[in-house]
Amino acid sequence: MRRALSLLLALLPTSVSAAPAGYFDLLPYVTLETGDTWVSNGERFRLYGVQSCLRGTAYTDKHGQKRDCGEASLAVLAAYIKDTKPVCAPVVKKDGIAYVVCYATVGKQRLDLANVLITSGYAFAALNGEGMPYHVPYAVAEKVARDKRAGLWQFEDVQHPAILLSREVNARTKKVDQ
């Protein structure tokens, strides 16, 4: 019996990896809404300082095919969640959304998931109402990705979502003023 117990204990993992205090695991079974927002247990979460491509907007791939930019951002976020098993911590809660920072583990390195998404070219630095980034280092990372033509930046017709969102706001404002 003792030998069987020893064998069983040897087969079990010796350490359990769990999120540190104040953090929670970002698990692959969450419901992704966009490349920066998801729902888990009825609660909405969004990566702080990040804007993914908008779903329903298009870019033209190298074969001349129109592709959904938002779906590309979403697919890359899903892959990073699956492959790096991020842990997240809440930053602020506003309008029913918990804004979070997440850290992905690649090898022995802990990387800021938002920064990884932005430098890979599949997300953008989110801008506030004055057009300034919520987190300046993300704007720097975005410029590096754009200069290297990483990810979505390799396609000529990709537009920063902030441009599209500001056009939408301006159009609504114009209609109200008329």
N, C-alpha and C. Protein backbone atom coordinates (compact mmCIF):
# COMPACT_ATOMS: atom_id res chain seq x y z
N MET A 1 0.83 -1.20 0.00
CA MET A 1 0.00 0.00 0.00
C MET A 1 0.87 1.25 0.00
N ARG A 2 1.89 1.25 0.83
CA ARG A 2 2.78 2.41 0.92
C ARG A 2 3.48 2.63 -0.43
N ARG A 3 3.87 1.53 -1.08
CA ARG A 3 4.53 1.62 -2.38
C ARG A 3 3.58 2.21 -3.43
N ALA A 4 2.32 1.80 -3.42
CA ALA A 4 1.33 2.31 -4.36
C ALA A 4 1.11 3.81 -4.13
N LEU A 5 1.06 4.22 -2.86
CA LEU A 5 0.89 5.63 -2.53
C LEU A 5 2.09 6.44 -3.02
N SER A 6 3.29 5.92 -2.84
CA SER A 6 4.49 6.60 -3.31
C SER A 6 4.48 6.75 -4.82
N LEU A 7 4.04 5.70 -5.53
CA LEU A 7 3.96 5.75 -6.97
C LEU A 7 2.93 6.80 -7.41
N LEU A 8 1.79 6.84 -6.74
CA LEU A 8 0.75 7.80 -7.06
C LEU A 8 1.26 9.22 -6.85
N LEU A 9 1.93 9.47 -5.74
CA LEU A 9 2.46 10.80 -5.46
C LEU A 9 3.53 11.20 -6.47
N ALA A 10 4.30 10.25 -6.94
CA ALA A 10 5.32 10.53 -7.94
C ALA A 10 4.71 10.93 -9.27
N LEU A 11 3.53 10.41 -9.58
CA LEU A 11 2.88 10.72 -10.84
C LEU A 11 2.14 12.06 -10.81
N LEU A 12 1.82 12.55 -9.63
CA LEU A 12 1.11 13.83 -9.51
C LEU A 12 2.09 14.98 -9.67
N PRO A 13 1.63 16.10 -10.17
CA PRO A 13 2.52 17.26 -10.28
C PRO A 13 3.02 17.66 -8.90
N THR A 14 4.29 18.07 -8.84
CA THR A 14 4.88 18.41 -7.55
C THR A 14 4.55 19.82 -7.12
N SER A 15 4.17 20.67 -8.05
CA SER A 15 3.80 22.03 -7.66
C SER A 15 2.56 22.44 -8.45
N VAL A 16 1.76 23.24 -7.82
CA VAL A 16 0.56 23.75 -8.47
C VAL A 16 0.83 25.21 -8.79
N SER A 17 0.62 25.57 -10.04
CA SER A 17 0.84 26.93 -10.47
C SER A 17 -0.48 27.68 -10.38
N ALA A 18 -0.53 28.66 -9.52
CA ALA A 18 -1.74 29.47 -9.39
C ALA A 18 -1.35 30.94 -9.42
N ALA A 19 -2.30 31.77 -9.72
CA ALA A 19 -2.04 33.20 -9.78
C ALA A 19 -1.65 33.70 -8.39
N PRO A 20 -0.69 34.63 -8.33
CA PRO A 20 -0.31 35.21 -7.04
C PRO A 20 -1.46 36.03 -6.45
N ALA A 21 -1.35 36.34 -5.18
CA ALA A 21 -2.38 37.12 -4.49
C ALA A 21 -2.65 38.42 -5.24
N GLY A 22 -3.93 38.75 -5.42
CA GLY A 22 -4.33 39.95 -6.13
C GLY A 22 -4.49 39.75 -7.62
N TYR A 23 -4.07 38.62 -8.13
CA TYR A 23 -4.16 38.29 -9.56
C TYR A 23 -5.15 37.15 -9.75
N PHE A 24 -5.59 36.97 -10.98
CA PHE A 24 -6.43 35.82 -11.32
C PHE A 24 -5.94 35.25 -12.63
N ASP A 25 -6.17 33.97 -12.84
CA ASP A 25 -5.76 33.31 -14.08
C ASP A 25 -6.71 33.69 -15.21
N LEU A 26 -6.15 34.01 -16.36
CA LEU A 26 -6.94 34.23 -17.56
C LEU A 26 -6.96 32.91 -18.31
N LEU A 27 -8.06 32.23 -18.20
CA LEU A 27 -8.16 30.86 -18.71
C LEU A 27 -8.72 30.83 -20.13
N PRO A 28 -8.34 29.81 -20.90
CA PRO A 28 -8.76 29.74 -22.31
C PRO A 28 -10.26 29.63 -22.54
N TYR A 29 -11.04 29.26 -21.55
CA TYR A 29 -12.48 29.07 -21.80
C TYR A 29 -13.31 30.35 -21.60
N VAL A 30 -12.68 31.51 -21.43
CA VAL A 30 -13.44 32.75 -21.32
C VAL A 30 -14.09 33.05 -22.68
N THR A 31 -15.08 33.90 -22.66
CA THR A 31 -15.75 34.30 -23.90
C THR A 31 -15.11 35.58 -24.40
N LEU A 32 -14.38 35.49 -25.48
CA LEU A 32 -13.74 36.67 -26.05
C LEU A 32 -14.77 37.47 -26.84
N GLU A 33 -14.87 38.75 -26.54
CA GLU A 33 -15.74 39.65 -27.29
C GLU A 33 -14.96 40.33 -28.41
N THR A 34 -13.75 40.74 -28.08
CA THR A 34 -12.86 41.41 -29.04
C THR A 34 -11.44 40.96 -28.73
N GLY A 35 -10.49 41.58 -29.40
CA GLY A 35 -9.09 41.29 -29.14
C GLY A 35 -8.54 41.98 -27.90
N ASP A 36 -9.42 42.61 -27.11
CA ASP A 36 -8.99 43.22 -25.86
C ASP A 36 -10.00 43.06 -24.72
N THR A 37 -11.15 42.43 -24.99
CA THR A 37 -12.23 42.34 -24.00
C THR A 37 -12.79 40.92 -23.97
N TRP A 38 -13.11 40.46 -22.75
CA TRP A 38 -13.68 39.13 -22.59
C TRP A 38 -14.65 39.11 -21.42
N VAL A 39 -15.44 38.06 -21.36
CA VAL A 39 -16.39 37.84 -20.27
C VAL A 39 -16.03 36.54 -19.58
N SER A 40 -16.01 36.58 -18.27
CA SER A 40 -15.75 35.38 -17.47
C SER A 40 -16.66 35.44 -16.25
N ASN A 41 -17.40 34.37 -16.04
CA ASN A 41 -18.33 34.30 -14.90
C ASN A 41 -19.25 35.51 -14.84
N GLY A 42 -19.72 35.96 -15.99
CA GLY A 42 -20.66 37.08 -16.04
C GLY A 42 -20.04 38.45 -15.89
N GLU A 43 -18.74 38.54 -15.73
CA GLU A 43 -18.06 39.82 -15.55
C GLU A 43 -17.24 40.15 -16.80
N ARG A 44 -17.30 41.44 -17.24
CA ARG A 44 -16.53 41.88 -18.41
C ARG A 44 -15.17 42.41 -17.96
N PHE A 45 -14.15 42.02 -18.73
CA PHE A 45 -12.78 42.46 -18.49
C PHE A 45 -12.22 43.05 -19.78
N ARG A 46 -11.33 44.03 -19.61
CA ARG A 46 -10.66 44.62 -20.77
C ARG A 46 -9.23 44.94 -20.38
N LEU A 47 -8.31 44.67 -21.31
CA LEU A 47 -6.92 45.02 -21.07
C LEU A 47 -6.78 46.53 -20.99
N TYR A 48 -6.18 47.01 -19.93
CA TYR A 48 -6.00 48.44 -19.72
C TYR A 48 -5.03 49.01 -20.76
N GLY A 49 -5.42 50.11 -21.38
CA GLY A 49 -4.55 50.83 -22.29
C GLY A 49 -4.45 50.24 -23.68
N VAL A 50 -5.29 49.27 -23.99
CA VAL A 50 -5.23 48.57 -25.28
C VAL A 50 -6.50 48.79 -26.07
N GLN A 51 -6.34 48.91 -27.38
CA GLN A 51 -7.47 48.96 -28.30
C GLN A 51 -7.18 47.94 -29.39
N SER A 52 -8.04 46.96 -29.51
CA SER A 52 -7.87 45.99 -30.60
C SER A 52 -8.49 46.56 -31.86
N CYS A 53 -8.21 45.90 -32.96
CA CYS A 53 -8.88 46.25 -34.21
C CYS A 53 -10.38 46.07 -34.00
N LEU A 54 -11.17 46.90 -34.63
CA LEU A 54 -12.62 46.83 -34.48
C LEU A 54 -13.18 45.70 -35.33
N ARG A 55 -14.05 44.91 -34.73
CA ARG A 55 -14.69 43.85 -35.49
C ARG A 55 -15.57 44.49 -36.56
N GLY A 56 -15.56 43.89 -37.73
CA GLY A 56 -16.33 44.42 -38.84
C GLY A 56 -15.55 45.39 -39.72
N THR A 57 -14.34 45.79 -39.29
CA THR A 57 -13.50 46.61 -40.16
C THR A 57 -12.57 45.68 -40.92
N ALA A 58 -12.18 46.11 -42.10
CA ALA A 58 -11.44 45.20 -42.98
C ALA A 58 -10.04 45.71 -43.28
N TYR A 59 -9.19 44.77 -43.63
CA TYR A 59 -7.89 45.06 -44.23
C TYR A 59 -7.76 44.11 -45.41
N THR A 60 -6.86 44.44 -46.32
CA THR A 60 -6.64 43.61 -47.50
C THR A 60 -5.34 42.85 -47.32
N ASP A 61 -5.43 41.51 -47.33
CA ASP A 61 -4.22 40.71 -47.13
C ASP A 61 -3.35 40.71 -48.39
N LYS A 62 -2.23 40.03 -48.33
CA LYS A 62 -1.26 40.04 -49.44
C LYS A 62 -1.78 39.33 -50.69
N HIS A 63 -2.88 38.60 -50.56
CA HIS A 63 -3.48 37.92 -51.71
C HIS A 63 -4.67 38.72 -52.27
N GLY A 64 -4.85 39.95 -51.76
CA GLY A 64 -5.94 40.79 -52.24
C GLY A 64 -7.29 40.47 -51.64
N GLN A 65 -7.33 39.63 -50.62
CA GLN A 65 -8.57 39.25 -49.96
C GLN A 65 -8.88 40.19 -48.80
N LYS A 66 -10.14 40.60 -48.67
CA LYS A 66 -10.56 41.41 -47.52
C LYS A 66 -10.70 40.48 -46.32
N ARG A 67 -10.14 40.89 -45.19
CA ARG A 67 -10.20 40.13 -43.95
C ARG A 67 -10.72 41.04 -42.84
N ASP A 68 -11.36 40.43 -41.85
CA ASP A 68 -11.88 41.19 -40.71
C ASP A 68 -10.75 41.47 -39.74
N CYS A 69 -10.45 42.74 -39.56
CA CYS A 69 -9.35 43.16 -38.69
C CYS A 69 -9.61 42.77 -37.23
N GLY A 70 -10.84 42.96 -36.79
CA GLY A 70 -11.18 42.60 -35.41
C GLY A 70 -11.04 41.12 -35.14
N GLU A 71 -11.39 40.31 -36.12
CA GLU A 71 -11.24 38.85 -35.95
C GLU A 71 -9.77 38.47 -35.85
N ALA A 72 -8.90 39.17 -36.58
CA ALA A 72 -7.46 38.90 -36.50
C ALA A 72 -6.95 39.22 -35.09
N SER A 73 -7.34 40.37 -34.54
CA SER A 73 -6.94 40.72 -33.17
C SER A 73 -7.45 39.70 -32.17
N LEU A 74 -8.68 39.30 -32.33
CA LEU A 74 -9.29 38.33 -31.42
C LEU A 74 -8.56 36.99 -31.48
N ALA A 75 -8.23 36.53 -32.68
CA ALA A 75 -7.55 35.24 -32.83
C ALA A 75 -6.17 35.25 -32.18
N VAL A 76 -5.46 36.37 -32.30
CA VAL A 76 -4.13 36.46 -31.69
C VAL A 76 -4.24 36.49 -30.18
N LEU A 77 -5.21 37.24 -29.62
CA LEU A 77 -5.41 37.22 -28.18
C LEU A 77 -5.72 35.81 -27.70
N ALA A 78 -6.59 35.11 -28.40
CA ALA A 78 -6.93 33.73 -28.02
C ALA A 78 -5.69 32.84 -28.02
N ALA A 79 -4.85 32.99 -29.01
CA ALA A 79 -3.63 32.18 -29.08
C ALA A 79 -2.69 32.50 -27.92
N TYR A 80 -2.53 33.78 -27.60
CA TYR A 80 -1.67 34.15 -26.47
C TYR A 80 -2.22 33.62 -25.14
N ILE A 81 -3.53 33.68 -24.97
CA ILE A 81 -4.13 33.14 -23.75
C ILE A 81 -3.84 31.66 -23.64
N LYS A 82 -4.07 30.94 -24.73
CA LYS A 82 -3.86 29.49 -24.73
C LYS A 82 -2.40 29.13 -24.49
N ASP A 83 -1.50 29.84 -25.15
CA ASP A 83 -0.08 29.47 -25.11
C ASP A 83 0.69 30.00 -23.91
N THR A 84 0.27 31.13 -23.35
CA THR A 84 1.09 31.75 -22.29
C THR A 84 0.44 31.75 -20.92
N LYS A 85 -0.82 31.33 -20.83
CA LYS A 85 -1.55 31.24 -19.56
C LYS A 85 -1.33 32.48 -18.67
N PRO A 86 -1.84 33.62 -19.14
CA PRO A 86 -1.62 34.87 -18.40
C PRO A 86 -2.31 34.91 -17.03
N VAL A 87 -1.77 35.74 -16.17
CA VAL A 87 -2.43 36.10 -14.92
C VAL A 87 -2.69 37.60 -14.99
N CYS A 88 -3.81 38.02 -14.41
CA CYS A 88 -4.25 39.40 -14.52
C CYS A 88 -4.56 39.99 -13.16
N ALA A 89 -4.47 41.30 -13.08
CA ALA A 89 -4.85 42.03 -11.87
C ALA A 89 -5.70 43.22 -12.27
N PRO A 90 -6.77 43.47 -11.50
CA PRO A 90 -7.61 44.63 -11.82
C PRO A 90 -6.89 45.94 -11.55
N VAL A 91 -7.15 46.92 -12.42
CA VAL A 91 -6.59 48.26 -12.26
C VAL A 91 -7.68 49.21 -11.80
N VAL A 92 -8.80 49.18 -12.54
CA VAL A 92 -9.92 50.06 -12.23
C VAL A 92 -11.19 49.43 -12.80
N LYS A 93 -12.31 49.75 -12.19
CA LYS A 93 -13.59 49.29 -12.71
C LYS A 93 -14.40 50.53 -13.08
N LYS A 94 -14.92 50.52 -14.32
CA LYS A 94 -15.67 51.68 -14.81
C LYS A 94 -16.74 51.19 -15.76
N ASP A 95 -17.95 51.70 -15.59
CA ASP A 95 -19.07 51.36 -16.47
C ASP A 95 -19.26 49.86 -16.65
N GLY A 96 -19.10 49.12 -15.57
CA GLY A 96 -19.33 47.67 -15.61
C GLY A 96 -18.22 46.84 -16.22
N ILE A 97 -17.08 47.47 -16.50
CA ILE A 97 -15.94 46.75 -17.08
C ILE A 97 -14.78 46.84 -16.10
N ALA A 98 -14.15 45.70 -15.83
CA ALA A 98 -12.94 45.68 -15.00
C ALA A 98 -11.74 45.79 -15.94
N TYR A 99 -11.01 46.89 -15.86
CA TYR A 99 -9.80 47.06 -16.65
C TYR A 99 -8.66 46.37 -15.90
N VAL A 100 -7.89 45.57 -16.64
CA VAL A 100 -6.87 44.73 -16.01
C VAL A 100 -5.53 44.86 -16.72
N VAL A 101 -4.48 44.54 -15.98
CA VAL A 101 -3.17 44.31 -16.58
C VAL A 101 -2.90 42.82 -16.46
N CYS A 102 -2.30 42.25 -17.49
CA CYS A 102 -2.04 40.81 -17.51
C CYS A 102 -0.58 40.56 -17.86
N TYR A 103 -0.06 39.51 -17.26
CA TYR A 103 1.32 39.10 -17.53
C TYR A 103 1.32 37.69 -18.07
N ALA A 104 1.98 37.53 -19.21
CA ALA A 104 2.10 36.23 -19.86
C ALA A 104 3.47 35.66 -19.52
N THR A 105 3.55 34.36 -19.43
CA THR A 105 4.83 33.71 -19.15
C THR A 105 5.32 33.02 -20.41
N VAL A 106 6.50 33.42 -20.85
CA VAL A 106 7.15 32.82 -22.01
C VAL A 106 8.53 32.37 -21.53
N GLY A 107 8.71 31.04 -21.48
CA GLY A 107 9.93 30.52 -20.88
C GLY A 107 9.94 30.90 -19.41
N LYS A 108 10.97 31.60 -18.99
CA LYS A 108 11.04 32.06 -17.60
C LYS A 108 10.75 33.55 -17.48
N GLN A 109 10.35 34.16 -18.60
CA GLN A 109 10.07 35.59 -18.61
C GLN A 109 8.60 35.87 -18.39
N ARG A 110 8.33 36.91 -17.61
CA ARG A 110 6.97 37.42 -17.45
C ARG A 110 6.86 38.68 -18.29
N LEU A 111 5.93 38.67 -19.23
CA LEU A 111 5.78 39.78 -20.16
C LEU A 111 4.40 40.40 -20.03
N ASP A 112 4.33 41.70 -20.20
CA ASP A 112 3.07 42.43 -20.20
C ASP A 112 2.29 42.02 -21.44
N LEU A 113 1.15 41.36 -21.25
CA LEU A 113 0.36 40.84 -22.37
C LEU A 113 -0.04 41.95 -23.33
N ALA A 114 -0.44 43.10 -22.81
CA ALA A 114 -0.82 44.22 -23.67
C ALA A 114 0.35 44.64 -24.55
N ASN A 115 1.52 44.75 -23.96
CA ASN A 115 2.71 45.14 -24.72
C ASN A 115 3.03 44.10 -25.79
N VAL A 116 2.88 42.83 -25.47
CA VAL A 116 3.12 41.76 -26.44
C VAL A 116 2.16 41.89 -27.62
N LEU A 117 0.88 42.11 -27.34
CA LEU A 117 -0.12 42.25 -28.41
C LEU A 117 0.18 43.46 -29.29
N ILE A 118 0.59 44.56 -28.66
CA ILE A 118 0.86 45.79 -29.41
C ILE A 118 2.14 45.65 -30.23
N THR A 119 3.22 45.14 -29.64
CA THR A 119 4.47 45.02 -30.38
C THR A 119 4.38 43.97 -31.48
N SER A 120 3.47 43.01 -31.34
CA SER A 120 3.29 42.02 -32.40
C SER A 120 2.44 42.59 -33.55
N GLY A 121 1.84 43.76 -33.32
CA GLY A 121 1.07 44.43 -34.37
C GLY A 121 -0.38 44.01 -34.46
N TYR A 122 -0.91 43.38 -33.40
CA TYR A 122 -2.31 42.94 -33.44
C TYR A 122 -3.19 43.68 -32.44
N ALA A 123 -2.65 44.73 -31.84
CA ALA A 123 -3.42 45.62 -30.98
C ALA A 123 -2.76 46.99 -31.04
N PHE A 124 -3.42 47.98 -30.47
CA PHE A 124 -2.98 49.36 -30.56
C PHE A 124 -3.04 50.00 -29.18
N ALA A 125 -2.32 51.09 -29.03
CA ALA A 125 -2.41 51.86 -27.79
C ALA A 125 -3.77 52.57 -27.77
N ALA A 126 -4.52 52.38 -26.69
CA ALA A 126 -5.82 53.05 -26.56
C ALA A 126 -5.58 54.53 -26.27
N LEU A 127 -6.43 55.36 -26.85
CA LEU A 127 -6.31 56.81 -26.68
C LEU A 127 -7.50 57.35 -25.91
N ASN A 128 -7.25 58.39 -25.13
CA ASN A 128 -8.34 59.02 -24.39
C ASN A 128 -9.06 60.03 -25.27
N GLY A 129 -10.00 60.75 -24.72
CA GLY A 129 -10.80 61.71 -25.48
C GLY A 129 -10.00 62.85 -26.09
N GLU A 130 -8.84 63.12 -25.54
CA GLU A 130 -7.97 64.18 -26.07
C GLU A 130 -6.97 63.63 -27.08
N GLY A 131 -7.06 62.33 -27.38
CA GLY A 131 -6.15 61.73 -28.35
C GLY A 131 -4.81 61.32 -27.77
N MET A 132 -4.70 61.31 -26.46
CA MET A 132 -3.46 60.92 -25.79
C MET A 132 -3.56 59.47 -25.32
N PRO A 133 -2.43 58.75 -25.35
CA PRO A 133 -2.48 57.34 -24.90
C PRO A 133 -2.74 57.25 -23.40
N TYR A 134 -3.51 56.25 -23.03
CA TYR A 134 -3.73 55.99 -21.61
C TYR A 134 -2.43 55.57 -20.93
N HIS A 135 -1.59 54.88 -21.66
CA HIS A 135 -0.32 54.41 -21.12
C HIS A 135 0.75 54.66 -22.18
N VAL A 136 1.58 55.68 -21.97
CA VAL A 136 2.54 56.14 -22.98
C VAL A 136 3.46 55.03 -23.50
N PRO A 137 3.97 54.13 -22.65
CA PRO A 137 4.82 53.07 -23.20
C PRO A 137 4.14 52.22 -24.28
N TYR A 138 2.82 52.10 -24.22
CA TYR A 138 2.12 51.35 -25.27
C TYR A 138 2.15 52.11 -26.60
N ALA A 139 2.11 53.43 -26.54
CA ALA A 139 2.20 54.23 -27.77
C ALA A 139 3.59 54.07 -28.39
N VAL A 140 4.61 53.99 -27.55
CA VAL A 140 5.97 53.77 -28.04
C VAL A 140 6.07 52.38 -28.68
N ALA A 141 5.50 51.37 -28.02
CA ALA A 141 5.50 50.01 -28.56
C ALA A 141 4.76 49.96 -29.89
N GLU A 142 3.66 50.70 -29.99
CA GLU A 142 2.90 50.74 -31.24
C GLU A 142 3.72 51.35 -32.37
N LYS A 143 4.45 52.41 -32.08
CA LYS A 143 5.29 53.03 -33.11
C LYS A 143 6.36 52.06 -33.59
N VAL A 144 6.96 51.32 -32.68
CA VAL A 144 7.96 50.33 -33.05
C VAL A 144 7.34 49.28 -33.98
N ALA A 145 6.16 48.78 -33.61
CA ALA A 145 5.47 47.78 -34.43
C ALA A 145 5.13 48.34 -35.81
N ARG A 146 4.65 49.57 -35.83
CA ARG A 146 4.30 50.21 -37.12
C ARG A 146 5.54 50.38 -37.98
N ASP A 147 6.65 50.84 -37.39
CA ASP A 147 7.89 51.03 -38.14
C ASP A 147 8.44 49.71 -38.68
N LYS A 148 8.26 48.63 -37.92
CA LYS A 148 8.72 47.31 -38.36
C LYS A 148 7.71 46.61 -39.27
N ARG A 149 6.54 47.23 -39.42
CA ARG A 149 5.43 46.66 -40.19
C ARG A 149 5.06 45.28 -39.66
N ALA A 150 4.98 45.20 -38.35
CA ALA A 150 4.64 43.95 -37.68
C ALA A 150 3.14 43.70 -37.74
N GLY A 151 2.76 42.44 -37.79
CA GLY A 151 1.35 42.05 -37.71
C GLY A 151 0.48 42.76 -38.73
N LEU A 152 -0.56 43.38 -38.24
CA LEU A 152 -1.52 44.06 -39.12
C LEU A 152 -0.93 45.28 -39.81
N TRP A 153 0.15 45.83 -39.26
CA TRP A 153 0.78 47.01 -39.86
C TRP A 153 1.40 46.71 -41.22
N GLN A 154 1.57 45.43 -41.57
CA GLN A 154 2.14 45.09 -42.88
C GLN A 154 1.15 45.35 -44.01
N PHE A 155 -0.11 45.54 -43.68
CA PHE A 155 -1.13 45.74 -44.70
C PHE A 155 -1.40 47.23 -44.86
N GLU A 156 -1.39 47.67 -46.11
CA GLU A 156 -1.47 49.10 -46.42
C GLU A 156 -2.74 49.78 -45.92
N ASP A 157 -3.85 49.06 -45.88
CA ASP A 157 -5.12 49.72 -45.57
C ASP A 157 -5.58 49.55 -44.11
N VAL A 158 -4.70 49.07 -43.25
CA VAL A 158 -5.06 48.98 -41.82
C VAL A 158 -5.09 50.39 -41.25
N GLN A 159 -6.16 50.68 -40.53
CA GLN A 159 -6.29 51.98 -39.88
C GLN A 159 -6.34 51.79 -38.37
N HIS A 160 -5.73 52.73 -37.68
CA HIS A 160 -5.78 52.71 -36.21
C HIS A 160 -7.24 52.83 -35.80
N PRO A 161 -7.70 51.97 -34.89
CA PRO A 161 -9.11 52.04 -34.47
C PRO A 161 -9.50 53.39 -33.90
N ALA A 162 -8.57 54.12 -33.31
CA ALA A 162 -8.90 55.44 -32.75
C ALA A 162 -9.37 56.39 -33.84
N ILE A 163 -8.80 56.26 -35.03
CA ILE A 163 -9.23 57.11 -36.15
C ILE A 163 -10.67 56.79 -36.51
N LEU A 164 -10.97 55.51 -36.61
CA LEU A 164 -12.34 55.10 -36.95
C LEU A 164 -13.33 55.50 -35.86
N LEU A 165 -12.94 55.33 -34.61
CA LEU A 165 -13.84 55.69 -33.50
C LEU A 165 -14.07 57.20 -33.45
N SER A 166 -13.03 57.99 -33.70
CA SER A 166 -13.20 59.45 -33.66
C SER A 166 -14.09 59.92 -34.82
N ARG A 167 -13.97 59.27 -35.98
CA ARG A 167 -14.86 59.62 -37.10
C ARG A 167 -16.31 59.34 -36.73
N GLU A 168 -16.53 58.22 -36.06
CA GLU A 168 -17.89 57.86 -35.65
C GLU A 168 -18.45 58.88 -34.66
N VAL A 169 -17.64 59.29 -33.70
CA VAL A 169 -18.07 60.28 -32.71
C VAL A 169 -18.35 61.61 -33.41
N ASN A 170 -17.46 62.01 -34.31
CA ASN A 170 -17.65 63.28 -35.03
C ASN A 170 -18.91 63.26 -35.89
N ALA A 171 -19.20 62.12 -36.51
CA ALA A 171 -20.42 62.00 -37.32
C ALA A 171 -21.66 62.12 -36.45
N ARG A 172 -21.63 61.49 -35.27
CA ARG A 172 -22.78 61.59 -34.35
C ARG A 172 -22.96 63.00 -33.86
N THR A 173 -21.86 63.68 -33.53
CA THR A 173 -21.92 65.05 -33.05
C THR A 173 -22.48 65.97 -34.14
N LYS A 174 -22.07 65.73 -35.36
CA LYS A 174 -22.53 66.54 -36.49
C LYS A 174 -24.05 66.39 -36.67
N LYS A 175 -24.55 65.16 -36.52
CA LYS A 175 -26.00 64.91 -36.66
C LYS A 175 -26.79 65.61 -35.55
N VAL A 176 -26.25 65.62 -34.35
CA VAL A 176 -26.92 66.27 -33.22
C VAL A 176 -26.97 67.76 -33.44
N ASP A 177 -25.90 68.33 -33.99
CA ASP A 177 -25.83 69.77 -34.22
C ASP A 177 -26.75 70.24 -35.33
N GLN A 178 -27.17 69.34 -36.21
CA GLN A 178 -27.98 69.74 -37.36
C GLN A 178 -29.42 69.89 -37.02
